[in-house]
Amino acid sequence: MPDRIVTRITALPKPATFKEAAKSVQRVAAYARVSTDHEEQETSLTAQTDYYRKKILEHPGWEFVEIYVDDGISGLSTNRREGFNRMVEDCLAGHIDLVLTKSISRFARNTVDTVTTIRKLKEKGVGVYFEKKDFDTANLSRKSKIEQNTPRYAAILGNIKGHF
């Protein structure tokens, strides 16, 4: 009887979900962006960064990494967003387990950029939690509140789910 040849296929690491992050120490970062330099937007950016810093520092089991910021930069393309690109690089380098952000539109307005980035992060075991819509990329199988909202977000969710 000839010897069998066995090929081992290693599973991709499972991204940390928002709820799982509370169970063990997770390295957590946040991403904040405003698209204009108007004064009220500056206040919004300060509010976002203060909120996420406090949320991460006060959460048991979370280790604060950084809040990545793009100030006065459009979300239409990720090309010129230095804070966003640095955050993605840090995620891919294994420094971050979970990214918190306000909404899909703060993360990226372009569906292709959103899907491409989330896919890259998911392959490295990094989850992204969109707080405004209670949408966790590491847990796409459950029904998300995003499905119950606007057609635009439902379409984005459908596009994202279809690519994983």
N, C-alpha and C. Protein backbone atom coordinates (compact mmCIF):
# COMPACT_ATOMS: atom_id res chain seq x y z
N MET A 1 0.85 -1.18 0.00
CA MET A 1 0.00 0.00 0.00
C MET A 1 0.90 1.25 0.00
N PRO A 2 0.74 2.14 -0.98
CA PRO A 2 1.58 3.34 -1.06
C PRO A 2 1.26 4.33 0.06
N ASP A 3 2.29 5.10 0.42
CA ASP A 3 2.09 6.13 1.44
C ASP A 3 1.20 7.23 0.88
N ARG A 4 0.37 7.74 1.74
CA ARG A 4 -0.49 8.86 1.36
C ARG A 4 0.29 10.17 1.44
N ILE A 5 -0.04 11.05 0.54
CA ILE A 5 0.52 12.39 0.60
C ILE A 5 -0.56 13.31 1.17
N VAL A 6 -0.24 13.94 2.25
CA VAL A 6 -1.20 14.82 2.91
C VAL A 6 -0.71 16.26 2.78
N THR A 7 -1.58 17.09 2.29
CA THR A 7 -1.28 18.52 2.18
C THR A 7 -2.10 19.25 3.22
N ARG A 8 -1.44 19.99 4.07
CA ARG A 8 -2.14 20.74 5.11
C ARG A 8 -2.44 22.14 4.61
N ILE A 9 -3.69 22.54 4.73
CA ILE A 9 -4.13 23.88 4.33
C ILE A 9 -4.45 24.64 5.61
N THR A 10 -3.70 25.70 5.85
CA THR A 10 -3.88 26.49 7.06
C THR A 10 -5.02 27.47 6.88
N ALA A 11 -5.91 27.52 7.85
CA ALA A 11 -7.04 28.44 7.80
C ALA A 11 -6.57 29.87 8.01
N LEU A 12 -7.31 30.80 7.42
CA LEU A 12 -7.02 32.21 7.66
C LEU A 12 -7.35 32.52 9.11
N PRO A 13 -6.62 33.45 9.74
CA PRO A 13 -6.97 33.82 11.11
C PRO A 13 -8.34 34.47 11.14
N LYS A 14 -9.08 34.19 12.17
CA LYS A 14 -10.41 34.77 12.31
C LYS A 14 -10.28 36.19 12.87
N PRO A 15 -10.88 37.17 12.19
CA PRO A 15 -10.80 38.54 12.70
C PRO A 15 -11.51 38.65 14.05
N ALA A 16 -11.04 39.56 14.86
CA ALA A 16 -11.69 39.82 16.13
C ALA A 16 -13.00 40.53 15.87
N THR A 17 -14.08 40.02 16.45
CA THR A 17 -15.36 40.72 16.33
C THR A 17 -15.44 41.72 17.46
N PHE A 18 -16.35 42.64 17.34
CA PHE A 18 -16.52 43.67 18.36
C PHE A 18 -16.81 43.03 19.72
N LYS A 19 -17.66 42.02 19.75
CA LYS A 19 -18.00 41.36 21.02
C LYS A 19 -16.85 40.49 21.53
N GLU A 20 -16.15 39.82 20.63
CA GLU A 20 -15.04 38.97 21.04
C GLU A 20 -13.89 39.79 21.62
N ALA A 21 -13.76 41.01 21.16
CA ALA A 21 -12.66 41.86 21.63
C ALA A 21 -12.74 42.08 23.14
N ALA A 22 -13.94 41.98 23.70
CA ALA A 22 -14.09 42.17 25.14
C ALA A 22 -13.61 40.95 25.93
N LYS A 23 -13.46 39.79 25.28
CA LYS A 23 -13.12 38.56 25.97
C LYS A 23 -11.62 38.39 26.20
N SER A 24 -10.80 39.01 25.40
CA SER A 24 -9.36 38.89 25.55
C SER A 24 -8.71 40.22 25.19
N VAL A 25 -7.45 40.36 25.49
CA VAL A 25 -6.77 41.62 25.20
C VAL A 25 -6.62 41.76 23.69
N GLN A 26 -7.15 42.83 23.19
CA GLN A 26 -7.09 43.14 21.77
C GLN A 26 -6.45 44.50 21.59
N ARG A 27 -5.64 44.62 20.55
CA ARG A 27 -5.03 45.91 20.21
C ARG A 27 -6.02 46.65 19.33
N VAL A 28 -6.53 47.77 19.85
CA VAL A 28 -7.63 48.48 19.19
C VAL A 28 -7.20 49.89 18.80
N ALA A 29 -7.57 50.26 17.57
CA ALA A 29 -7.31 51.61 17.06
C ALA A 29 -8.64 52.18 16.57
N ALA A 30 -8.65 53.45 16.28
CA ALA A 30 -9.84 54.09 15.72
C ALA A 30 -9.42 54.94 14.53
N TYR A 31 -10.38 55.16 13.64
CA TYR A 31 -10.15 56.03 12.49
C TYR A 31 -11.21 57.11 12.48
N ALA A 32 -10.75 58.36 12.36
CA ALA A 32 -11.66 59.52 12.30
C ALA A 32 -11.27 60.39 11.11
N ARG A 33 -12.29 60.97 10.48
CA ARG A 33 -12.02 61.82 9.32
C ARG A 33 -13.10 62.88 9.22
N VAL A 34 -12.69 64.08 8.81
CA VAL A 34 -13.62 65.12 8.38
C VAL A 34 -13.18 65.56 7.00
N SER A 35 -14.15 65.96 6.19
CA SER A 35 -13.83 66.23 4.79
C SER A 35 -13.57 67.70 4.48
N THR A 36 -13.83 68.60 5.42
CA THR A 36 -13.57 70.01 5.16
C THR A 36 -12.79 70.62 6.31
N ASP A 37 -12.28 71.81 6.08
CA ASP A 37 -11.53 72.52 7.11
C ASP A 37 -12.39 73.50 7.90
N HIS A 38 -13.71 73.45 7.74
CA HIS A 38 -14.58 74.37 8.46
C HIS A 38 -14.47 74.15 9.96
N GLU A 39 -14.70 75.22 10.71
CA GLU A 39 -14.53 75.17 12.16
C GLU A 39 -15.41 74.11 12.82
N GLU A 40 -16.67 73.98 12.36
CA GLU A 40 -17.56 72.99 12.98
C GLU A 40 -17.07 71.56 12.72
N GLN A 41 -16.39 71.35 11.59
CA GLN A 41 -15.81 70.04 11.31
C GLN A 41 -14.64 69.77 12.25
N GLU A 42 -13.86 70.81 12.55
CA GLU A 42 -12.74 70.65 13.49
C GLU A 42 -13.26 70.21 14.86
N THR A 43 -14.37 70.80 15.28
CA THR A 43 -14.97 70.40 16.55
C THR A 43 -15.42 68.95 16.48
N SER A 44 -15.97 68.55 15.34
CA SER A 44 -16.40 67.17 15.15
C SER A 44 -15.21 66.21 15.23
N LEU A 45 -14.10 66.59 14.63
CA LEU A 45 -12.91 65.74 14.65
C LEU A 45 -12.38 65.60 16.08
N THR A 46 -12.36 66.69 16.81
CA THR A 46 -11.92 66.65 18.21
C THR A 46 -12.86 65.77 19.02
N ALA A 47 -14.16 65.91 18.78
CA ALA A 47 -15.14 65.08 19.50
C ALA A 47 -14.94 63.61 19.17
N GLN A 48 -14.71 63.29 17.89
CA GLN A 48 -14.49 61.90 17.50
C GLN A 48 -13.25 61.31 18.18
N THR A 49 -12.15 62.05 18.14
CA THR A 49 -10.91 61.52 18.72
C THR A 49 -11.02 61.38 20.24
N ASP A 50 -11.63 62.37 20.89
CA ASP A 50 -11.82 62.27 22.35
C ASP A 50 -12.70 61.08 22.70
N TYR A 51 -13.77 60.90 21.96
CA TYR A 51 -14.70 59.81 22.20
C TYR A 51 -14.01 58.45 22.07
N TYR A 52 -13.27 58.25 20.96
CA TYR A 52 -12.64 56.95 20.74
C TYR A 52 -11.49 56.69 21.71
N ARG A 53 -10.73 57.71 22.04
CA ARG A 53 -9.66 57.53 23.02
C ARG A 53 -10.24 57.04 24.34
N LYS A 54 -11.28 57.71 24.81
CA LYS A 54 -11.92 57.35 26.07
C LYS A 54 -12.53 55.94 25.98
N LYS A 55 -13.24 55.66 24.90
CA LYS A 55 -13.90 54.37 24.73
C LYS A 55 -12.89 53.22 24.77
N ILE A 56 -11.78 53.38 24.06
CA ILE A 56 -10.78 52.31 24.02
C ILE A 56 -10.06 52.17 25.35
N LEU A 57 -9.65 53.28 25.95
CA LEU A 57 -8.91 53.23 27.22
C LEU A 57 -9.75 52.67 28.36
N GLU A 58 -11.05 52.92 28.34
CA GLU A 58 -11.91 52.47 29.43
C GLU A 58 -12.47 51.06 29.23
N HIS A 59 -12.26 50.49 28.06
CA HIS A 59 -12.82 49.17 27.78
C HIS A 59 -11.90 48.08 28.32
N PRO A 60 -12.41 47.20 29.18
CA PRO A 60 -11.57 46.12 29.69
C PRO A 60 -11.15 45.18 28.55
N GLY A 61 -9.90 44.83 28.54
CA GLY A 61 -9.42 43.91 27.52
C GLY A 61 -8.95 44.57 26.24
N TRP A 62 -9.08 45.89 26.15
CA TRP A 62 -8.60 46.59 24.96
C TRP A 62 -7.32 47.33 25.27
N GLU A 63 -6.38 47.22 24.39
CA GLU A 63 -5.13 47.97 24.49
C GLU A 63 -5.16 49.07 23.43
N PHE A 64 -5.04 50.31 23.87
CA PHE A 64 -5.09 51.46 22.96
C PHE A 64 -3.85 51.47 22.07
N VAL A 65 -4.07 51.55 20.76
CA VAL A 65 -2.96 51.64 19.81
C VAL A 65 -2.79 53.08 19.37
N GLU A 66 -3.79 53.61 18.68
CA GLU A 66 -3.69 54.98 18.15
C GLU A 66 -5.04 55.36 17.55
N ILE A 67 -5.25 56.67 17.42
CA ILE A 67 -6.38 57.16 16.65
C ILE A 67 -5.79 57.77 15.39
N TYR A 68 -6.16 57.21 14.27
CA TYR A 68 -5.66 57.67 12.97
C TYR A 68 -6.64 58.71 12.44
N VAL A 69 -6.12 59.81 11.92
CA VAL A 69 -6.96 60.94 11.56
C VAL A 69 -6.60 61.46 10.17
N ASP A 70 -7.64 61.82 9.43
CA ASP A 70 -7.47 62.60 8.19
C ASP A 70 -8.34 63.83 8.33
N ASP A 71 -7.73 64.98 8.27
CA ASP A 71 -8.39 66.25 8.51
C ASP A 71 -8.53 67.02 7.20
N GLY A 72 -9.77 67.28 6.81
CA GLY A 72 -10.02 68.06 5.60
C GLY A 72 -9.77 67.30 4.32
N ILE A 73 -9.88 65.96 4.38
CA ILE A 73 -9.62 65.11 3.21
C ILE A 73 -10.91 64.40 2.80
N SER A 74 -11.22 64.44 1.52
CA SER A 74 -12.40 63.76 1.00
C SER A 74 -12.26 62.25 1.18
N GLY A 75 -13.40 61.60 1.42
CA GLY A 75 -13.40 60.15 1.58
C GLY A 75 -13.60 59.40 0.28
N LEU A 76 -13.72 60.14 -0.83
CA LEU A 76 -14.00 59.50 -2.11
C LEU A 76 -12.90 58.54 -2.55
N SER A 77 -11.65 58.87 -2.25
CA SER A 77 -10.53 58.01 -2.62
C SER A 77 -9.60 57.88 -1.41
N THR A 78 -8.99 56.72 -1.27
CA THR A 78 -8.07 56.52 -0.16
C THR A 78 -6.64 56.94 -0.51
N ASN A 79 -6.40 57.31 -1.75
CA ASN A 79 -5.04 57.62 -2.21
C ASN A 79 -4.34 58.71 -1.40
N ARG A 80 -5.01 59.81 -1.10
CA ARG A 80 -4.35 60.93 -0.42
C ARG A 80 -4.60 60.96 1.09
N ARG A 81 -5.23 59.94 1.63
CA ARG A 81 -5.54 59.93 3.06
C ARG A 81 -4.40 59.26 3.83
N GLU A 82 -3.47 60.09 4.30
CA GLU A 82 -2.27 59.58 4.97
C GLU A 82 -2.60 58.81 6.24
N GLY A 83 -3.52 59.33 7.05
CA GLY A 83 -3.89 58.64 8.29
C GLY A 83 -4.49 57.28 8.01
N PHE A 84 -5.39 57.22 7.05
CA PHE A 84 -6.04 55.97 6.67
C PHE A 84 -5.01 54.95 6.17
N ASN A 85 -4.15 55.39 5.28
CA ASN A 85 -3.15 54.48 4.70
C ASN A 85 -2.15 54.00 5.75
N ARG A 86 -1.78 54.86 6.68
CA ARG A 86 -0.88 54.45 7.75
C ARG A 86 -1.56 53.43 8.67
N MET A 87 -2.86 53.64 8.93
CA MET A 87 -3.62 52.70 9.75
C MET A 87 -3.66 51.33 9.07
N VAL A 88 -3.95 51.30 7.77
CA VAL A 88 -4.01 50.04 7.04
C VAL A 88 -2.65 49.35 7.08
N GLU A 89 -1.56 50.10 6.89
CA GLU A 89 -0.21 49.53 6.96
C GLU A 89 0.05 48.92 8.33
N ASP A 90 -0.35 49.63 9.39
CA ASP A 90 -0.15 49.10 10.75
C ASP A 90 -0.99 47.84 11.00
N CYS A 91 -2.19 47.81 10.44
CA CYS A 91 -3.02 46.60 10.55
C CYS A 91 -2.35 45.44 9.85
N LEU A 92 -1.90 45.68 8.62
CA LEU A 92 -1.27 44.61 7.83
C LEU A 92 0.04 44.14 8.44
N ALA A 93 0.70 45.04 9.20
CA ALA A 93 1.96 44.69 9.87
C ALA A 93 1.71 43.92 11.18
N GLY A 94 0.43 43.75 11.55
CA GLY A 94 0.12 42.97 12.74
C GLY A 94 0.09 43.76 14.03
N HIS A 95 -0.05 45.08 13.96
CA HIS A 95 -0.04 45.91 15.17
C HIS A 95 -1.45 46.19 15.72
N ILE A 96 -2.48 45.85 14.94
CA ILE A 96 -3.86 46.18 15.32
C ILE A 96 -4.74 44.96 15.09
N ASP A 97 -5.66 44.69 16.03
CA ASP A 97 -6.61 43.59 15.90
C ASP A 97 -8.01 44.05 15.51
N LEU A 98 -8.36 45.27 15.92
CA LEU A 98 -9.71 45.79 15.68
C LEU A 98 -9.64 47.29 15.45
N VAL A 99 -10.38 47.76 14.44
CA VAL A 99 -10.46 49.19 14.14
C VAL A 99 -11.89 49.64 14.39
N LEU A 100 -12.05 50.71 15.14
CA LEU A 100 -13.36 51.32 15.36
C LEU A 100 -13.46 52.56 14.49
N THR A 101 -14.61 52.77 13.90
CA THR A 101 -14.86 54.00 13.15
C THR A 101 -16.34 54.33 13.23
N LYS A 102 -16.64 55.59 13.01
CA LYS A 102 -18.01 56.06 13.17
C LYS A 102 -18.97 55.41 12.17
N SER A 103 -18.60 55.41 10.89
CA SER A 103 -19.52 54.91 9.87
C SER A 103 -18.75 54.47 8.63
N ILE A 104 -19.46 53.79 7.76
CA ILE A 104 -18.86 53.36 6.50
C ILE A 104 -18.38 54.57 5.71
N SER A 105 -19.17 55.64 5.70
CA SER A 105 -18.80 56.83 4.92
C SER A 105 -17.57 57.54 5.50
N ARG A 106 -17.30 57.39 6.78
CA ARG A 106 -16.07 57.95 7.36
C ARG A 106 -14.88 57.10 6.94
N PHE A 107 -15.07 55.81 6.83
CA PHE A 107 -14.02 54.87 6.45
C PHE A 107 -13.66 55.06 4.98
N ALA A 108 -14.64 54.97 4.10
CA ALA A 108 -14.42 55.19 2.66
C ALA A 108 -15.77 55.36 1.98
N ARG A 109 -15.87 56.31 1.09
CA ARG A 109 -17.11 56.53 0.36
C ARG A 109 -17.17 55.70 -0.93
N ASN A 110 -16.06 55.18 -1.34
CA ASN A 110 -15.97 54.41 -2.56
C ASN A 110 -16.11 52.93 -2.20
N THR A 111 -17.12 52.26 -2.75
CA THR A 111 -17.38 50.87 -2.42
C THR A 111 -16.20 49.96 -2.74
N VAL A 112 -15.53 50.22 -3.86
CA VAL A 112 -14.37 49.39 -4.23
C VAL A 112 -13.27 49.52 -3.18
N ASP A 113 -12.96 50.75 -2.75
CA ASP A 113 -11.96 50.96 -1.69
C ASP A 113 -12.38 50.27 -0.40
N THR A 114 -13.66 50.39 -0.06
CA THR A 114 -14.16 49.77 1.17
C THR A 114 -13.98 48.26 1.12
N VAL A 115 -14.45 47.63 0.06
CA VAL A 115 -14.37 46.18 -0.06
C VAL A 115 -12.92 45.71 -0.11
N THR A 116 -12.10 46.38 -0.91
CA THR A 116 -10.69 45.99 -1.04
C THR A 116 -9.98 46.08 0.30
N THR A 117 -10.18 47.17 1.01
CA THR A 117 -9.50 47.36 2.29
C THR A 117 -9.99 46.36 3.33
N ILE A 118 -11.30 46.18 3.43
CA ILE A 118 -11.83 45.24 4.41
C ILE A 118 -11.34 43.83 4.12
N ARG A 119 -11.27 43.47 2.85
CA ARG A 119 -10.79 42.13 2.47
C ARG A 119 -9.33 41.95 2.89
N LYS A 120 -8.49 42.96 2.63
CA LYS A 120 -7.07 42.88 3.03
C LYS A 120 -6.95 42.73 4.54
N LEU A 121 -7.73 43.52 5.28
CA LEU A 121 -7.66 43.46 6.74
C LEU A 121 -8.17 42.12 7.26
N LYS A 122 -9.24 41.64 6.67
CA LYS A 122 -9.81 40.36 7.10
C LYS A 122 -8.80 39.23 6.91
N GLU A 123 -8.05 39.26 5.81
CA GLU A 123 -7.04 38.23 5.55
C GLU A 123 -5.96 38.22 6.64
N LYS A 124 -5.73 39.36 7.27
CA LYS A 124 -4.74 39.47 8.35
C LYS A 124 -5.36 39.32 9.73
N GLY A 125 -6.66 39.01 9.78
CA GLY A 125 -7.33 38.80 11.06
C GLY A 125 -7.75 40.07 11.76
N VAL A 126 -7.91 41.16 11.01
CA VAL A 126 -8.29 42.44 11.58
C VAL A 126 -9.76 42.73 11.26
N GLY A 127 -10.54 43.03 12.30
CA GLY A 127 -11.93 43.40 12.12
C GLY A 127 -12.10 44.90 12.12
N VAL A 128 -13.16 45.36 11.45
CA VAL A 128 -13.51 46.79 11.46
C VAL A 128 -14.94 46.89 11.96
N TYR A 129 -15.15 47.75 12.95
CA TYR A 129 -16.48 47.94 13.52
C TYR A 129 -16.97 49.34 13.18
N PHE A 130 -18.09 49.40 12.43
CA PHE A 130 -18.72 50.66 12.06
C PHE A 130 -19.81 50.93 13.08
N GLU A 131 -19.53 51.84 13.99
CA GLU A 131 -20.37 52.03 15.15
C GLU A 131 -21.77 52.54 14.83
N LYS A 132 -21.88 53.49 13.94
CA LYS A 132 -23.17 54.12 13.67
C LYS A 132 -24.22 53.11 13.21
N LYS A 133 -23.81 52.11 12.48
CA LYS A 133 -24.75 51.11 11.95
C LYS A 133 -24.62 49.75 12.63
N ASP A 134 -23.83 49.66 13.70
CA ASP A 134 -23.61 48.39 14.40
C ASP A 134 -23.24 47.29 13.40
N PHE A 135 -22.21 47.57 12.61
CA PHE A 135 -21.80 46.68 11.53
C PHE A 135 -20.37 46.25 11.79
N ASP A 136 -20.18 44.95 11.97
CA ASP A 136 -18.88 44.38 12.32
C ASP A 136 -18.41 43.49 11.18
N THR A 137 -17.32 43.86 10.51
CA THR A 137 -16.85 43.10 9.34
C THR A 137 -16.36 41.70 9.71
N ALA A 138 -16.04 41.49 10.96
CA ALA A 138 -15.58 40.17 11.38
C ALA A 138 -16.74 39.22 11.64
N ASN A 139 -17.95 39.75 11.60
CA ASN A 139 -19.13 38.94 11.88
C ASN A 139 -20.22 39.24 10.85
N LEU A 140 -19.91 39.03 9.58
CA LEU A 140 -20.84 39.37 8.50
C LEU A 140 -22.02 38.43 8.38
N SER A 141 -21.96 37.26 9.02
CA SER A 141 -23.03 36.30 8.85
C SER A 141 -24.29 36.68 9.64
N ARG A 142 -24.14 37.45 10.70
CA ARG A 142 -25.33 37.81 11.47
C ARG A 142 -26.05 38.98 10.82
N LYS A 143 -27.33 39.09 11.11
CA LYS A 143 -28.11 40.19 10.55
C LYS A 143 -27.69 41.48 11.24
N SER A 144 -27.27 42.43 10.48
CA SER A 144 -26.80 43.69 11.01
C SER A 144 -27.89 44.75 10.91
N LYS A 145 -27.86 45.71 11.81
CA LYS A 145 -28.81 46.82 11.76
C LYS A 145 -28.69 47.58 10.45
N ILE A 146 -27.55 47.50 9.82
CA ILE A 146 -27.34 48.22 8.57
C ILE A 146 -28.35 47.76 7.50
N GLU A 147 -28.76 46.51 7.57
CA GLU A 147 -29.71 45.98 6.58
C GLU A 147 -31.09 46.63 6.72
N GLN A 148 -31.36 47.18 7.88
CA GLN A 148 -32.67 47.75 8.14
C GLN A 148 -32.71 49.25 7.85
N ASN A 149 -31.62 49.81 7.35
CA ASN A 149 -31.54 51.24 7.14
C ASN A 149 -31.60 51.61 5.67
N THR A 150 -30.96 52.67 5.32
CA THR A 150 -31.09 53.26 3.98
C THR A 150 -30.69 52.30 2.87
N PRO A 151 -31.31 52.48 1.71
CA PRO A 151 -30.95 51.64 0.56
C PRO A 151 -29.47 51.75 0.21
N ARG A 152 -28.87 52.95 0.38
CA ARG A 152 -27.45 53.13 0.06
C ARG A 152 -26.59 52.21 0.92
N TYR A 153 -26.83 52.22 2.23
CA TYR A 153 -26.04 51.37 3.13
C TYR A 153 -26.35 49.90 2.91
N ALA A 154 -27.60 49.58 2.64
CA ALA A 154 -27.95 48.19 2.36
C ALA A 154 -27.23 47.71 1.10
N ALA A 155 -27.13 48.58 0.11
CA ALA A 155 -26.41 48.21 -1.13
C ALA A 155 -24.93 48.01 -0.84
N ILE A 156 -24.35 48.89 -0.03
CA ILE A 156 -22.94 48.74 0.33
C ILE A 156 -22.73 47.43 1.09
N LEU A 157 -23.60 47.15 2.05
CA LEU A 157 -23.51 45.91 2.81
C LEU A 157 -23.60 44.71 1.88
N GLY A 158 -24.56 44.76 0.95
CA GLY A 158 -24.70 43.66 0.01
C GLY A 158 -23.46 43.47 -0.82
N ASN A 159 -22.85 44.56 -1.24
CA ASN A 159 -21.61 44.49 -2.01
C ASN A 159 -20.47 43.91 -1.17
N ILE A 160 -20.39 44.35 0.07
CA ILE A 160 -19.32 43.88 0.94
C ILE A 160 -19.50 42.39 1.24
N LYS A 161 -20.72 41.99 1.63
CA LYS A 161 -20.95 40.58 1.97
C LYS A 161 -20.68 39.67 0.79
N GLY A 162 -20.98 40.14 -0.40
CA GLY A 162 -20.80 39.32 -1.58
C GLY A 162 -19.35 39.07 -1.93
N HIS A 163 -18.44 39.77 -1.30
CA HIS A 163 -17.02 39.65 -1.63
C HIS A 163 -16.21 38.90 -0.59
N PHE A 164 -16.87 38.30 0.39
CA PHE A 164 -16.12 37.57 1.43
C PHE A 164 -16.55 36.13 1.49
